[in-house]
N, C-alpha and C. Protein backbone atom coordinates (compact mmCIF):
# COMPACT_ATOMS: atom_id res chain seq x y z
N MET A 1 -70.93 -0.22 -18.46
CA MET A 1 -71.51 -0.70 -19.70
C MET A 1 -70.43 -1.38 -20.55
N GLU A 2 -70.83 -2.46 -21.19
CA GLU A 2 -69.87 -3.23 -21.97
C GLU A 2 -70.36 -3.44 -23.40
N ILE A 3 -69.45 -3.97 -24.19
CA ILE A 3 -69.79 -4.27 -25.59
C ILE A 3 -70.91 -5.31 -25.66
N SER A 4 -70.94 -6.22 -24.68
CA SER A 4 -71.99 -7.24 -24.69
C SER A 4 -73.39 -6.60 -24.59
N ASP A 5 -73.48 -5.46 -23.89
CA ASP A 5 -74.76 -4.74 -23.82
C ASP A 5 -75.17 -4.25 -25.20
N ALA A 6 -74.21 -3.74 -25.97
CA ALA A 6 -74.49 -3.25 -27.32
C ALA A 6 -74.92 -4.42 -28.21
N LYS A 7 -74.25 -5.57 -28.06
CA LYS A 7 -74.62 -6.75 -28.85
C LYS A 7 -76.04 -7.20 -28.52
N GLN A 8 -76.39 -7.10 -27.24
CA GLN A 8 -77.73 -7.48 -26.80
C GLN A 8 -78.78 -6.54 -27.43
N VAL A 9 -78.47 -5.25 -27.48
CA VAL A 9 -79.38 -4.28 -28.10
C VAL A 9 -79.57 -4.64 -29.58
N LEU A 10 -78.47 -4.97 -30.26
CA LEU A 10 -78.53 -5.35 -31.67
C LEU A 10 -79.41 -6.60 -31.85
N GLU A 11 -79.20 -7.60 -31.00
CA GLU A 11 -79.99 -8.84 -31.10
C GLU A 11 -81.47 -8.60 -30.85
N GLN A 12 -81.78 -7.73 -29.87
CA GLN A 12 -83.19 -7.42 -29.59
C GLN A 12 -83.84 -6.73 -30.80
N ALA A 13 -83.12 -5.79 -31.39
CA ALA A 13 -83.66 -5.07 -32.55
C ALA A 13 -83.86 -6.04 -33.71
N LYS A 14 -82.87 -6.91 -33.91
CA LYS A 14 -82.94 -7.90 -34.99
C LYS A 14 -84.15 -8.82 -34.80
N GLU A 15 -84.38 -9.26 -33.56
CA GLU A 15 -85.50 -10.14 -33.25
C GLU A 15 -86.83 -9.46 -33.54
N LYS A 16 -86.95 -8.19 -33.15
CA LYS A 16 -88.20 -7.44 -33.41
C LYS A 16 -88.43 -7.30 -34.92
N MET A 17 -87.38 -7.05 -35.66
CA MET A 17 -87.50 -6.91 -37.12
C MET A 17 -87.90 -8.24 -37.75
N HIS A 18 -87.30 -9.31 -37.26
CA HIS A 18 -87.63 -10.65 -37.77
C HIS A 18 -89.11 -10.96 -37.53
N LYS A 19 -89.60 -10.61 -36.34
CA LYS A 19 -91.01 -10.87 -36.01
C LYS A 19 -91.93 -10.05 -36.92
N ALA A 20 -91.54 -8.82 -37.25
CA ALA A 20 -92.36 -7.98 -38.13
C ALA A 20 -92.48 -8.63 -39.51
N VAL A 21 -91.37 -9.14 -40.04
CA VAL A 21 -91.37 -9.78 -41.36
C VAL A 21 -92.16 -11.09 -41.31
N GLU A 22 -91.98 -11.84 -40.22
CA GLU A 22 -92.70 -13.11 -40.06
C GLU A 22 -94.21 -12.86 -40.01
N TYR A 23 -94.62 -11.83 -39.27
CA TYR A 23 -96.04 -11.49 -39.17
C TYR A 23 -96.59 -11.12 -40.55
N LEU A 24 -95.84 -10.31 -41.29
CA LEU A 24 -96.28 -9.91 -42.63
C LEU A 24 -96.48 -11.15 -43.50
N ASP A 25 -95.52 -12.05 -43.48
CA ASP A 25 -95.59 -13.26 -44.29
C ASP A 25 -96.82 -14.10 -43.93
N ASN A 26 -97.06 -14.26 -42.62
CA ASN A 26 -98.23 -15.03 -42.18
C ASN A 26 -99.53 -14.34 -42.57
N GLU A 27 -99.58 -13.03 -42.41
CA GLU A 27 -100.78 -12.26 -42.71
C GLU A 27 -101.12 -12.36 -44.21
N LEU A 28 -100.11 -12.20 -45.06
CA LEU A 28 -100.35 -12.26 -46.50
C LEU A 28 -100.72 -13.67 -46.94
N GLY A 29 -100.30 -14.67 -46.19
CA GLY A 29 -100.63 -16.05 -46.51
C GLY A 29 -102.11 -16.35 -46.37
N THR A 30 -102.82 -15.54 -45.58
CA THR A 30 -104.25 -15.78 -45.38
C THR A 30 -105.09 -15.12 -46.47
N TYR A 31 -104.47 -14.36 -47.37
CA TYR A 31 -105.23 -13.70 -48.43
C TYR A 31 -105.69 -14.74 -49.46
N ARG A 32 -106.94 -14.62 -49.85
CA ARG A 32 -107.48 -15.52 -50.87
C ARG A 32 -107.18 -14.89 -52.23
N VAL A 33 -106.37 -15.58 -53.01
CA VAL A 33 -105.91 -14.97 -54.27
C VAL A 33 -106.42 -15.70 -55.50
N GLY A 34 -107.59 -16.31 -55.41
CA GLY A 34 -108.19 -16.91 -56.59
C GLY A 34 -107.76 -18.33 -56.88
N LYS A 35 -106.88 -18.86 -56.04
CA LYS A 35 -106.56 -20.27 -56.19
C LYS A 35 -106.62 -20.92 -54.82
N ALA A 36 -106.88 -22.19 -54.79
CA ALA A 36 -107.10 -22.91 -53.54
C ALA A 36 -105.86 -22.83 -52.64
N ASN A 37 -106.08 -22.43 -51.39
CA ASN A 37 -105.01 -22.32 -50.42
C ASN A 37 -105.60 -22.59 -49.03
N PRO A 38 -105.27 -23.72 -48.40
CA PRO A 38 -105.87 -24.07 -47.11
C PRO A 38 -105.62 -23.04 -46.00
N SER A 39 -104.60 -22.21 -46.12
CA SER A 39 -104.31 -21.25 -45.05
C SER A 39 -105.40 -20.18 -44.91
N VAL A 40 -106.31 -20.06 -45.90
CA VAL A 40 -107.41 -19.09 -45.75
C VAL A 40 -108.32 -19.49 -44.60
N PHE A 41 -108.26 -20.75 -44.17
CA PHE A 41 -109.10 -21.21 -43.07
C PHE A 41 -108.41 -21.08 -41.71
N ALA A 42 -107.24 -20.44 -41.68
CA ALA A 42 -106.48 -20.33 -40.43
C ALA A 42 -107.29 -19.70 -39.30
N GLY A 43 -108.14 -18.72 -39.63
CA GLY A 43 -108.89 -18.04 -38.59
C GLY A 43 -110.29 -18.60 -38.36
N VAL A 44 -110.64 -19.70 -39.02
CA VAL A 44 -111.99 -20.26 -38.90
C VAL A 44 -112.06 -21.21 -37.71
N SER A 45 -113.00 -20.93 -36.80
CA SER A 45 -113.22 -21.81 -35.65
C SER A 45 -114.59 -22.47 -35.76
N VAL A 46 -114.63 -23.73 -35.39
CA VAL A 46 -115.86 -24.54 -35.47
C VAL A 46 -116.31 -24.86 -34.05
N GLU A 47 -117.62 -24.78 -33.80
CA GLU A 47 -118.16 -25.20 -32.50
C GLU A 47 -118.01 -26.72 -32.39
N TYR A 48 -117.17 -27.18 -31.50
CA TYR A 48 -116.93 -28.61 -31.34
C TYR A 48 -117.18 -28.95 -29.88
N TYR A 49 -118.32 -29.59 -29.61
CA TYR A 49 -118.74 -29.90 -28.25
C TYR A 49 -118.71 -28.65 -27.35
N GLY A 50 -119.24 -27.55 -27.90
CA GLY A 50 -119.37 -26.31 -27.13
C GLY A 50 -118.11 -25.47 -27.06
N THR A 51 -117.04 -25.92 -27.70
CA THR A 51 -115.78 -25.18 -27.64
C THR A 51 -115.38 -24.73 -29.04
N PRO A 52 -115.07 -23.43 -29.23
CA PRO A 52 -114.58 -23.01 -30.55
C PRO A 52 -113.21 -23.65 -30.81
N THR A 53 -113.12 -24.40 -31.88
CA THR A 53 -111.91 -25.16 -32.20
C THR A 53 -111.46 -24.82 -33.62
N PRO A 54 -110.16 -24.60 -33.85
CA PRO A 54 -109.69 -24.31 -35.22
C PRO A 54 -110.11 -25.42 -36.18
N LEU A 55 -110.52 -25.03 -37.37
CA LEU A 55 -110.99 -25.97 -38.39
C LEU A 55 -109.98 -27.10 -38.63
N ALA A 56 -108.70 -26.75 -38.67
CA ALA A 56 -107.66 -27.75 -38.96
C ALA A 56 -107.59 -28.85 -37.89
N GLN A 57 -108.18 -28.61 -36.70
CA GLN A 57 -108.15 -29.61 -35.63
C GLN A 57 -109.35 -30.55 -35.67
N VAL A 58 -110.35 -30.23 -36.50
CA VAL A 58 -111.53 -31.10 -36.57
C VAL A 58 -111.73 -31.72 -37.95
N ALA A 59 -110.85 -31.35 -38.90
CA ALA A 59 -110.99 -31.86 -40.26
C ALA A 59 -109.67 -31.76 -41.00
N SER A 60 -109.54 -32.56 -42.06
CA SER A 60 -108.37 -32.40 -42.92
C SER A 60 -108.79 -31.56 -44.12
N ILE A 61 -107.88 -30.72 -44.59
CA ILE A 61 -108.17 -29.85 -45.73
C ILE A 61 -107.20 -30.23 -46.83
N SER A 62 -107.74 -30.63 -47.98
CA SER A 62 -106.87 -30.99 -49.10
C SER A 62 -107.20 -30.13 -50.31
N VAL A 63 -106.25 -30.06 -51.22
CA VAL A 63 -106.39 -29.24 -52.42
C VAL A 63 -106.13 -30.13 -53.64
N PRO A 64 -107.20 -30.75 -54.19
CA PRO A 64 -107.00 -31.64 -55.33
C PRO A 64 -106.62 -30.91 -56.62
N ASP A 65 -107.07 -29.65 -56.77
CA ASP A 65 -106.66 -28.86 -57.93
C ASP A 65 -106.68 -27.37 -57.56
N ALA A 66 -106.31 -26.52 -58.50
CA ALA A 66 -106.12 -25.09 -58.21
C ALA A 66 -107.39 -24.36 -57.82
N ARG A 67 -108.55 -24.91 -58.14
CA ARG A 67 -109.81 -24.21 -57.86
C ARG A 67 -110.72 -24.94 -56.87
N THR A 68 -110.23 -26.01 -56.26
CA THR A 68 -111.07 -26.81 -55.36
C THR A 68 -110.34 -27.12 -54.06
N MET A 69 -111.09 -27.03 -52.97
CA MET A 69 -110.59 -27.49 -51.68
C MET A 69 -111.60 -28.48 -51.12
N ILE A 70 -111.11 -29.53 -50.48
CA ILE A 70 -111.99 -30.52 -49.89
C ILE A 70 -111.70 -30.58 -48.39
N ILE A 71 -112.77 -30.45 -47.62
CA ILE A 71 -112.67 -30.53 -46.16
C ILE A 71 -113.31 -31.85 -45.75
N GLN A 72 -112.50 -32.69 -45.12
CA GLN A 72 -112.96 -34.01 -44.67
C GLN A 72 -113.01 -33.97 -43.14
N PRO A 73 -114.23 -33.80 -42.55
CA PRO A 73 -114.31 -33.74 -41.09
C PRO A 73 -114.00 -35.10 -40.46
N TRP A 74 -113.43 -35.06 -39.26
CA TRP A 74 -113.12 -36.31 -38.56
C TRP A 74 -114.43 -37.01 -38.18
N GLU A 75 -115.48 -36.18 -37.89
CA GLU A 75 -116.79 -36.74 -37.53
C GLU A 75 -117.83 -36.16 -38.47
N LYS A 76 -118.67 -37.02 -39.05
CA LYS A 76 -119.66 -36.56 -40.04
C LYS A 76 -120.66 -35.57 -39.46
N ASN A 77 -120.96 -35.69 -38.16
CA ASN A 77 -121.93 -34.78 -37.56
C ASN A 77 -121.41 -33.34 -37.46
N LEU A 78 -120.16 -33.12 -37.80
CA LEU A 78 -119.58 -31.77 -37.78
C LEU A 78 -119.84 -30.99 -39.07
N ILE A 79 -120.30 -31.65 -40.12
CA ILE A 79 -120.47 -30.99 -41.42
C ILE A 79 -121.29 -29.70 -41.31
N PRO A 80 -122.48 -29.72 -40.67
CA PRO A 80 -123.24 -28.46 -40.58
C PRO A 80 -122.49 -27.37 -39.81
N ALA A 81 -121.80 -27.74 -38.73
CA ALA A 81 -121.06 -26.75 -37.93
C ALA A 81 -119.91 -26.15 -38.75
N ILE A 82 -119.23 -26.98 -39.55
CA ILE A 82 -118.13 -26.49 -40.38
C ILE A 82 -118.67 -25.54 -41.45
N GLU A 83 -119.78 -25.94 -42.10
CA GLU A 83 -120.37 -25.06 -43.12
C GLU A 83 -120.77 -23.72 -42.51
N LYS A 84 -121.37 -23.77 -41.34
CA LYS A 84 -121.80 -22.54 -40.65
C LYS A 84 -120.58 -21.65 -40.34
N ALA A 85 -119.50 -22.27 -39.86
CA ALA A 85 -118.29 -21.52 -39.51
C ALA A 85 -117.67 -20.86 -40.75
N ILE A 86 -117.65 -21.58 -41.88
CA ILE A 86 -117.10 -21.03 -43.12
C ILE A 86 -117.94 -19.85 -43.59
N MET A 87 -119.27 -20.00 -43.53
CA MET A 87 -120.15 -18.90 -43.94
C MET A 87 -119.98 -17.70 -43.01
N ALA A 88 -119.86 -17.96 -41.70
CA ALA A 88 -119.71 -16.88 -40.71
C ALA A 88 -118.38 -16.14 -40.89
N ALA A 89 -117.35 -16.87 -41.36
CA ALA A 89 -116.03 -16.24 -41.55
C ALA A 89 -116.02 -15.27 -42.73
N ASN A 90 -117.06 -15.34 -43.57
CA ASN A 90 -117.20 -14.41 -44.69
C ASN A 90 -115.98 -14.41 -45.61
N LEU A 91 -115.59 -15.60 -46.03
CA LEU A 91 -114.42 -15.76 -46.91
C LEU A 91 -114.78 -15.67 -48.39
N GLY A 92 -116.06 -15.60 -48.68
CA GLY A 92 -116.49 -15.52 -50.08
C GLY A 92 -116.65 -16.89 -50.72
N PHE A 93 -116.76 -17.93 -49.88
CA PHE A 93 -116.94 -19.29 -50.39
C PHE A 93 -118.34 -19.77 -50.05
N THR A 94 -118.87 -20.62 -50.91
CA THR A 94 -120.13 -21.30 -50.61
C THR A 94 -119.82 -22.79 -50.50
N PRO A 95 -119.84 -23.32 -49.26
CA PRO A 95 -119.52 -24.74 -49.10
C PRO A 95 -120.64 -25.64 -49.64
N GLN A 96 -120.25 -26.77 -50.23
CA GLN A 96 -121.22 -27.76 -50.72
C GLN A 96 -120.84 -29.09 -50.11
N ASN A 97 -121.83 -29.80 -49.54
CA ASN A 97 -121.47 -31.09 -48.96
C ASN A 97 -122.30 -32.21 -49.57
N ASN A 98 -121.71 -33.40 -49.53
CA ASN A 98 -122.41 -34.58 -50.07
C ASN A 98 -122.67 -35.59 -48.96
N GLY A 99 -122.62 -35.12 -47.71
CA GLY A 99 -122.84 -36.01 -46.57
C GLY A 99 -121.56 -36.64 -46.06
N GLU A 100 -120.50 -36.60 -46.86
CA GLU A 100 -119.22 -37.18 -46.47
C GLU A 100 -118.15 -36.10 -46.33
N ILE A 101 -118.10 -35.22 -47.33
CA ILE A 101 -117.07 -34.18 -47.37
C ILE A 101 -117.72 -32.84 -47.71
N ILE A 102 -116.96 -31.78 -47.48
CA ILE A 102 -117.40 -30.45 -47.89
C ILE A 102 -116.47 -30.02 -49.02
N ARG A 103 -117.08 -29.64 -50.14
CA ARG A 103 -116.29 -29.20 -51.29
C ARG A 103 -116.41 -27.68 -51.39
N ILE A 104 -115.28 -27.03 -51.58
CA ILE A 104 -115.26 -25.58 -51.74
C ILE A 104 -114.70 -25.27 -53.12
N MET A 105 -115.50 -24.62 -53.93
CA MET A 105 -115.04 -24.17 -55.25
C MET A 105 -114.54 -22.74 -55.08
N VAL A 106 -113.31 -22.48 -55.51
CA VAL A 106 -112.72 -21.15 -55.36
C VAL A 106 -113.01 -20.35 -56.62
N PRO A 107 -113.84 -19.30 -56.49
CA PRO A 107 -114.15 -18.50 -57.68
C PRO A 107 -112.95 -17.64 -58.07
N PRO A 108 -112.78 -17.37 -59.36
CA PRO A 108 -111.69 -16.48 -59.76
C PRO A 108 -111.96 -15.07 -59.24
N LEU A 109 -110.90 -14.33 -58.94
CA LEU A 109 -111.05 -12.98 -58.42
C LEU A 109 -111.35 -12.00 -59.56
N THR A 110 -112.14 -10.98 -59.24
CA THR A 110 -112.37 -9.91 -60.21
C THR A 110 -111.16 -8.99 -60.21
N GLU A 111 -111.02 -8.22 -61.27
CA GLU A 111 -109.90 -7.28 -61.38
C GLU A 111 -109.91 -6.29 -60.21
N GLU A 112 -111.11 -5.82 -59.87
CA GLU A 112 -111.25 -4.86 -58.77
C GLU A 112 -110.79 -5.47 -57.45
N ARG A 113 -111.20 -6.72 -57.20
CA ARG A 113 -110.81 -7.41 -55.96
C ARG A 113 -109.30 -7.63 -55.92
N ARG A 114 -108.71 -7.91 -57.06
CA ARG A 114 -107.24 -8.07 -57.13
C ARG A 114 -106.55 -6.77 -56.73
N ARG A 115 -107.04 -5.66 -57.27
CA ARG A 115 -106.43 -4.36 -56.93
C ARG A 115 -106.57 -4.06 -55.44
N ASP A 116 -107.75 -4.37 -54.90
CA ASP A 116 -107.96 -4.16 -53.46
C ASP A 116 -106.98 -4.99 -52.63
N LEU A 117 -106.78 -6.25 -53.04
CA LEU A 117 -105.85 -7.12 -52.31
C LEU A 117 -104.41 -6.60 -52.40
N VAL A 118 -104.02 -6.08 -53.56
CA VAL A 118 -102.68 -5.53 -53.71
C VAL A 118 -102.53 -4.32 -52.78
N LYS A 119 -103.56 -3.47 -52.77
CA LYS A 119 -103.53 -2.28 -51.92
C LYS A 119 -103.44 -2.68 -50.44
N LYS A 120 -104.23 -3.69 -50.07
CA LYS A 120 -104.24 -4.18 -48.69
C LYS A 120 -102.87 -4.78 -48.32
N SER A 121 -102.28 -5.52 -49.25
CA SER A 121 -100.97 -6.12 -48.96
C SER A 121 -99.89 -5.05 -48.83
N LYS A 122 -99.99 -3.99 -49.63
CA LYS A 122 -99.02 -2.89 -49.51
C LYS A 122 -99.16 -2.19 -48.16
N ALA A 123 -100.40 -2.06 -47.68
CA ALA A 123 -100.62 -1.45 -46.36
C ALA A 123 -100.00 -2.33 -45.27
N GLU A 124 -100.16 -3.65 -45.40
CA GLU A 124 -99.53 -4.56 -44.44
C GLU A 124 -98.00 -4.43 -44.50
N GLY A 125 -97.48 -4.28 -45.72
CA GLY A 125 -96.04 -4.11 -45.89
C GLY A 125 -95.56 -2.83 -45.22
N GLU A 126 -96.34 -1.77 -45.34
CA GLU A 126 -95.97 -0.51 -44.69
C GLU A 126 -95.98 -0.66 -43.17
N ASN A 127 -96.95 -1.41 -42.65
CA ASN A 127 -96.97 -1.66 -41.20
C ASN A 127 -95.72 -2.41 -40.77
N ALA A 128 -95.28 -3.36 -41.59
CA ALA A 128 -94.05 -4.11 -41.27
C ALA A 128 -92.84 -3.17 -41.28
N ARG A 129 -92.79 -2.28 -42.29
CA ARG A 129 -91.68 -1.32 -42.35
C ARG A 129 -91.67 -0.41 -41.12
N ILE A 130 -92.85 0.02 -40.69
CA ILE A 130 -92.95 0.88 -39.50
C ILE A 130 -92.43 0.12 -38.28
N SER A 131 -92.80 -1.15 -38.15
CA SER A 131 -92.31 -1.96 -37.03
C SER A 131 -90.79 -2.09 -37.06
N ILE A 132 -90.25 -2.25 -38.27
CA ILE A 132 -88.79 -2.36 -38.41
C ILE A 132 -88.12 -1.04 -37.99
N ARG A 133 -88.68 0.08 -38.45
CA ARG A 133 -88.10 1.38 -38.06
C ARG A 133 -88.24 1.63 -36.56
N ASN A 134 -89.36 1.19 -35.98
CA ASN A 134 -89.54 1.34 -34.53
C ASN A 134 -88.50 0.52 -33.77
N ALA A 135 -88.19 -0.68 -34.27
CA ALA A 135 -87.17 -1.52 -33.64
C ALA A 135 -85.81 -0.81 -33.69
N ARG A 136 -85.53 -0.16 -34.85
CA ARG A 136 -84.27 0.60 -34.96
C ARG A 136 -84.25 1.73 -33.95
N ARG A 137 -85.36 2.50 -33.90
CA ARG A 137 -85.42 3.65 -32.99
C ARG A 137 -85.23 3.20 -31.54
N ASP A 138 -85.92 2.12 -31.14
CA ASP A 138 -85.80 1.62 -29.76
C ASP A 138 -84.35 1.22 -29.46
N GLY A 139 -83.72 0.54 -30.44
CA GLY A 139 -82.34 0.12 -30.24
C GLY A 139 -81.39 1.30 -30.10
N VAL A 140 -81.55 2.31 -30.97
CA VAL A 140 -80.68 3.49 -30.92
C VAL A 140 -80.90 4.26 -29.62
N ASP A 141 -82.17 4.38 -29.19
CA ASP A 141 -82.45 5.07 -27.92
C ASP A 141 -81.78 4.37 -26.75
N LEU A 142 -81.83 3.04 -26.76
CA LEU A 142 -81.21 2.27 -25.68
C LEU A 142 -79.68 2.44 -25.71
N LEU A 143 -79.13 2.47 -26.91
CA LEU A 143 -77.67 2.69 -27.02
C LEU A 143 -77.28 4.06 -26.47
N LYS A 144 -78.07 5.08 -26.77
CA LYS A 144 -77.78 6.43 -26.27
C LYS A 144 -77.84 6.44 -24.74
N LYS A 145 -78.81 5.71 -24.19
CA LYS A 145 -78.92 5.61 -22.73
C LYS A 145 -77.67 4.94 -22.16
N TYR A 146 -77.24 3.86 -22.82
CA TYR A 146 -76.04 3.15 -22.37
C TYR A 146 -74.80 4.03 -22.50
N GLN A 147 -74.79 4.88 -23.54
CA GLN A 147 -73.65 5.77 -23.73
C GLN A 147 -73.54 6.73 -22.54
N LYS A 148 -74.67 7.22 -22.07
CA LYS A 148 -74.67 8.12 -20.90
C LYS A 148 -74.19 7.38 -19.66
N GLU A 149 -74.40 6.05 -19.66
CA GLU A 149 -73.98 5.24 -18.51
C GLU A 149 -72.54 4.72 -18.67
N GLY A 150 -71.86 5.16 -19.74
CA GLY A 150 -70.44 4.82 -19.85
C GLY A 150 -70.04 3.97 -21.03
N LEU A 151 -70.94 3.61 -21.91
CA LEU A 151 -70.56 2.84 -23.09
C LEU A 151 -69.83 3.77 -24.06
N SER A 152 -68.75 3.31 -24.67
CA SER A 152 -67.95 4.19 -25.51
C SER A 152 -68.71 4.61 -26.77
N GLU A 153 -68.39 5.83 -27.22
CA GLU A 153 -69.07 6.38 -28.39
C GLU A 153 -68.80 5.54 -29.63
N ASP A 154 -67.59 5.00 -29.75
CA ASP A 154 -67.25 4.16 -30.90
C ASP A 154 -68.15 2.92 -30.97
N VAL A 155 -68.33 2.27 -29.83
CA VAL A 155 -69.18 1.07 -29.78
C VAL A 155 -70.61 1.44 -30.16
N VAL A 156 -71.10 2.56 -29.66
CA VAL A 156 -72.47 3.02 -29.97
C VAL A 156 -72.61 3.25 -31.47
N LYS A 157 -71.65 3.99 -32.06
CA LYS A 157 -71.72 4.28 -33.51
C LYS A 157 -71.65 2.99 -34.32
N ASP A 158 -70.75 2.08 -33.95
CA ASP A 158 -70.62 0.81 -34.68
C ASP A 158 -71.92 0.00 -34.61
N THR A 159 -72.50 -0.05 -33.42
CA THR A 159 -73.74 -0.82 -33.24
C THR A 159 -74.89 -0.17 -33.99
N GLU A 160 -74.95 1.16 -33.99
CA GLU A 160 -75.98 1.86 -34.77
C GLU A 160 -75.85 1.49 -36.26
N GLY A 161 -74.61 1.42 -36.74
CA GLY A 161 -74.38 1.03 -38.12
C GLY A 161 -74.86 -0.40 -38.39
N LEU A 162 -74.61 -1.30 -37.45
CA LEU A 162 -75.06 -2.69 -37.59
C LEU A 162 -76.58 -2.78 -37.57
N ILE A 163 -77.21 -1.98 -36.70
CA ILE A 163 -78.67 -1.96 -36.64
C ILE A 163 -79.23 -1.48 -37.98
N GLN A 164 -78.59 -0.43 -38.54
CA GLN A 164 -79.06 0.09 -39.83
C GLN A 164 -78.92 -0.96 -40.94
N LYS A 165 -77.84 -1.75 -40.89
CA LYS A 165 -77.68 -2.83 -41.87
C LYS A 165 -78.82 -3.83 -41.76
N GLU A 166 -79.22 -4.15 -40.53
CA GLU A 166 -80.35 -5.06 -40.32
C GLU A 166 -81.64 -4.45 -40.86
N VAL A 167 -81.83 -3.16 -40.63
CA VAL A 167 -83.02 -2.47 -41.16
C VAL A 167 -83.06 -2.62 -42.67
N ASP A 168 -81.92 -2.39 -43.32
CA ASP A 168 -81.85 -2.51 -44.78
C ASP A 168 -82.17 -3.94 -45.23
N THR A 169 -81.60 -4.92 -44.54
CA THR A 169 -81.82 -6.33 -44.88
C THR A 169 -83.29 -6.70 -44.75
N PHE A 170 -83.90 -6.34 -43.61
CA PHE A 170 -85.30 -6.71 -43.38
C PHE A 170 -86.24 -5.91 -44.28
N SER A 171 -85.90 -4.67 -44.59
CA SER A 171 -86.73 -3.88 -45.51
C SER A 171 -86.73 -4.52 -46.90
N LYS A 172 -85.56 -5.04 -47.30
CA LYS A 172 -85.45 -5.72 -48.59
C LYS A 172 -86.32 -6.98 -48.59
N LYS A 173 -86.34 -7.70 -47.46
CA LYS A 173 -87.18 -8.90 -47.36
C LYS A 173 -88.65 -8.53 -47.51
N VAL A 174 -89.06 -7.42 -46.88
CA VAL A 174 -90.45 -6.95 -46.99
C VAL A 174 -90.77 -6.69 -48.46
N GLU A 175 -89.87 -6.00 -49.16
CA GLU A 175 -90.09 -5.70 -50.58
C GLU A 175 -90.24 -6.98 -51.40
N GLU A 176 -89.38 -7.98 -51.11
CA GLU A 176 -89.44 -9.24 -51.85
C GLU A 176 -90.76 -9.96 -51.60
N ILE A 177 -91.20 -9.98 -50.34
CA ILE A 177 -92.46 -10.65 -49.99
C ILE A 177 -93.62 -9.95 -50.70
N LEU A 178 -93.62 -8.60 -50.67
CA LEU A 178 -94.71 -7.85 -51.31
C LEU A 178 -94.71 -8.05 -52.82
N ALA A 179 -93.54 -8.05 -53.43
CA ALA A 179 -93.47 -8.23 -54.89
C ALA A 179 -94.00 -9.62 -55.27
N ALA A 180 -93.62 -10.63 -54.50
CA ALA A 180 -94.09 -11.99 -54.79
C ALA A 180 -95.60 -12.09 -54.60
N LYS A 181 -96.11 -11.46 -53.55
CA LYS A 181 -97.55 -11.53 -53.30
C LYS A 181 -98.33 -10.77 -54.37
N GLU A 182 -97.81 -9.61 -54.79
CA GLU A 182 -98.49 -8.84 -55.83
C GLU A 182 -98.54 -9.65 -57.13
N LYS A 183 -97.43 -10.31 -57.45
CA LYS A 183 -97.40 -11.13 -58.67
C LYS A 183 -98.41 -12.26 -58.57
N GLU A 184 -98.47 -12.89 -57.37
CA GLU A 184 -99.41 -13.99 -57.15
C GLU A 184 -100.86 -13.51 -57.29
N ILE A 185 -101.16 -12.34 -56.73
CA ILE A 185 -102.52 -11.80 -56.77
C ILE A 185 -102.92 -11.42 -58.21
N MET A 186 -102.02 -10.82 -58.94
CA MET A 186 -102.35 -10.30 -60.26
C MET A 186 -102.31 -11.38 -61.35
N THR A 187 -101.76 -12.56 -61.05
CA THR A 187 -101.73 -13.64 -62.02
C THR A 187 -103.11 -14.26 -62.13
N VAL A 188 -103.65 -14.23 -63.34
CA VAL A 188 -105.02 -14.76 -63.54
C VAL A 188 -104.94 -16.25 -63.83
């Protein structure tokens, strides 16, 4: 066993932690927080010639102001399918079309819905923290295995310390993301 093995363990743990934070960021981006945000349509698929296709691939989504989104389909005959997909996604929007575009008015969130979103985002944050701790545990377990195979105790202890520093760094990122999202949700 060599020091390069310990560095590899550190890099693997770091990568897993990075993915946990990235997932949290993407997940919170899909939350509807009372102002127009095209990413709420990330999970919406439209029937396009018999194939479920992401909304962003069949239309452009623009945000002319904080409370309005406009969906401009590439083909006008898609308007009913897009409206149906938005209603089926249960996003809390009622699409309105004028034969050319679909207009979505974003209603302001109620206080209760804001609290629910904050609670939900904190739960997502906790899941991210658990993933980060699991990455640490997996890394430390692998180091202990390598130690039994001949890796020096000093290298193991040093690498464990470096892994813990990464845990601290990524946990701080999770806190920052959650604080920013909570502020965004609670801002009326």
